[in-house]
Amino acid sequence: HRDIKSDNILIRYQDGGVKLLDFGFGCQLNPQEKRNSVVGTSFWMAPEVIKHQQYAEKPDIWSFGALLHEIVEGEPPYFKSNPVKAMFWICKRGIAQVSKDSAAIFPSEDLQQ
C-alpha cells in the first residue's frame, strides 16, 4: 500500500468493518521484488523508505504501528514537528514511545511484542 495512515482508513458505522483506501502509491510485489522509491506521508513513513533503502512489505507494518500510536496518543509520532524534522526523528529515534498516561489506559505493551 505504501501510504497507510488515518486518512486512508474507513470504519463503517453499521458494523465497525474497516476498509483501507487510496491505493495510489500501492504496488504488487512478488517475494523477490524490492522497492526503494520514497512515497507515502512523512509522519507514517518507515526509516528504510526515508533513507531510499530497498524494502518490500515491512514499511506497511511500520506505518500500521504509527497508526496505532496515533490511535493511542491522538496524533502520529513526531506530529508536533514539521514533516522534514519528523522524518529525521523517525530515522534517528525510531517510533516514538507512548506517554505514560496513554500507556496506562491502552495496553500498548501487548502491541509492542
Protein backbone atom coordinates (compact mmCIF):
# COMPACT_ATOMS: atom_id res chain seq x y z
CA HIS A 1 0.00 0.00 0.00
CA ARG A 2 2.83 2.36 0.99
CA ASP A 3 0.59 5.07 2.48
CA ILE A 4 -1.18 3.58 5.50
CA LYS A 5 -2.42 6.46 7.65
CA SER A 6 -5.62 7.51 9.39
CA ASP A 7 -6.87 9.46 6.36
CA ASN A 8 -6.82 6.22 4.38
CA ILE A 9 -8.86 4.14 6.84
CA LEU A 10 -12.64 3.97 6.67
CA ILE A 11 -14.63 2.44 9.53
CA ARG A 12 -18.22 1.51 8.70
CA TYR A 13 -20.69 2.91 11.21
CA GLN A 14 -23.12 -0.02 10.84
CA ASP A 15 -20.84 -2.89 11.80
CA GLY A 16 -17.40 -1.46 12.59
CA GLY A 17 -15.91 -3.01 9.46
CA VAL A 18 -12.60 -1.49 8.34
CA LYS A 19 -11.60 -0.61 4.78
CA LEU A 20 -8.20 0.51 3.55
CA LEU A 21 -8.50 3.29 0.95
CA ASP A 22 -6.30 5.10 -1.59
CA PHE A 23 -4.05 2.64 -3.34
CA GLY A 24 -2.42 5.41 -5.43
CA PHE A 25 1.07 4.53 -4.12
CA GLY A 26 0.33 0.81 -3.92
CA CYS A 27 2.21 -1.77 -5.90
CA GLN A 28 2.10 -5.52 -6.21
CA LEU A 29 5.32 -7.31 -5.31
CA ASN A 30 6.37 -10.89 -5.72
CA PRO A 31 8.57 -12.34 -2.94
CA GLN A 32 11.83 -11.46 -4.73
CA GLU A 33 10.93 -7.85 -5.56
CA LYS A 34 12.04 -4.80 -3.61
CA ARG A 35 11.35 -1.09 -3.98
CA ASN A 36 13.38 1.95 -2.99
CA SER A 37 11.16 4.85 -4.05
CA VAL A 38 10.21 7.42 -1.43
CA VAL A 39 6.41 7.52 -1.30
CA GLY A 40 3.89 7.96 1.47
CA THR A 41 3.20 10.59 4.10
CA SER A 42 6.10 11.71 6.28
CA PHE A 43 4.68 11.04 9.77
CA TRP A 44 3.81 7.43 8.86
CA MET A 45 6.92 6.61 6.75
CA ALA A 46 9.32 3.84 7.73
CA PRO A 47 13.03 4.65 8.11
CA GLU A 48 14.04 2.47 5.16
CA VAL A 49 11.67 4.39 2.87
CA ILE A 50 13.02 7.76 4.04
CA LYS A 51 16.61 6.53 3.54
CA HIS A 52 15.92 5.23 -0.01
CA GLN A 53 16.81 1.69 1.09
CA GLN A 54 15.29 -1.37 -0.52
CA TYR A 55 12.05 -2.57 1.03
CA ALA A 56 9.08 -4.86 0.46
CA GLU A 57 6.12 -5.15 2.85
CA LYS A 58 7.75 -4.07 6.12
CA PRO A 59 7.12 -0.32 5.70
CA ASP A 60 3.39 -1.05 5.76
CA ILE A 61 3.86 -2.77 9.12
CA TRP A 62 5.78 0.28 10.37
CA SER A 63 3.01 2.59 9.12
CA PHE A 64 0.41 0.47 10.89
CA GLY A 65 2.44 0.87 14.09
CA ALA A 66 2.45 4.65 13.58
CA LEU A 67 -1.32 4.44 13.06
CA LEU A 68 -1.68 2.56 16.37
CA HIS A 69 0.44 5.25 18.02
CA GLU A 70 -1.97 7.82 16.59
CA ILE A 71 -4.96 5.91 17.97
CA VAL A 72 -3.40 5.85 21.45
CA GLU A 73 -1.91 9.37 21.53
CA GLY A 74 -4.30 11.24 19.23
CA GLU A 75 -1.57 12.05 16.71
CA PRO A 76 1.14 10.16 14.81
CA PRO A 77 4.74 10.11 16.10
CA TYR A 78 6.59 13.44 15.91
CA PHE A 79 3.46 15.26 14.68
CA LYS A 80 4.44 18.41 16.56
CA SER A 81 7.49 18.67 14.27
CA ASN A 82 7.39 19.79 10.67
CA PRO A 83 7.32 16.87 8.17
CA VAL A 84 11.05 17.02 7.33
CA LYS A 85 12.06 17.12 11.00
CA ALA A 86 9.64 14.24 11.69
CA MET A 87 11.42 12.13 9.06
CA PHE A 88 14.75 12.98 10.71
CA TRP A 89 13.44 11.83 14.11
CA ILE A 90 11.95 8.66 12.62
CA CYS A 91 15.38 7.74 11.23
CA LYS A 92 17.28 8.77 14.36
CA ARG A 93 14.93 7.60 17.16
CA GLY A 94 12.51 5.20 15.52
CA ILE A 95 8.89 5.09 16.60
CA ALA A 96 8.08 7.43 19.46
CA GLN A 97 7.11 5.98 22.81
CA VAL A 98 3.55 6.50 24.00
CA SER A 99 3.09 8.69 27.05
CA LYS A 100 2.70 7.06 30.46
CA ASP A 101 -0.87 8.39 30.70
CA SER A 102 -1.83 6.73 27.42
CA ALA A 103 0.05 3.53 28.26
CA ALA A 104 -1.96 3.22 31.48
CA ILE A 105 -5.23 3.38 29.54
CA PHE A 106 -4.26 1.31 26.50
CA PRO A 107 -2.33 -1.99 26.70
CA SER A 108 0.35 -0.77 24.29
CA GLU A 109 2.99 -3.15 25.67
CA ASP A 110 0.97 -6.01 24.15
CA LEU A 111 1.21 -4.34 20.74
CA GLN A 112 4.96 -3.83 21.02
CA GLN A 113 5.55 -7.59 21.17
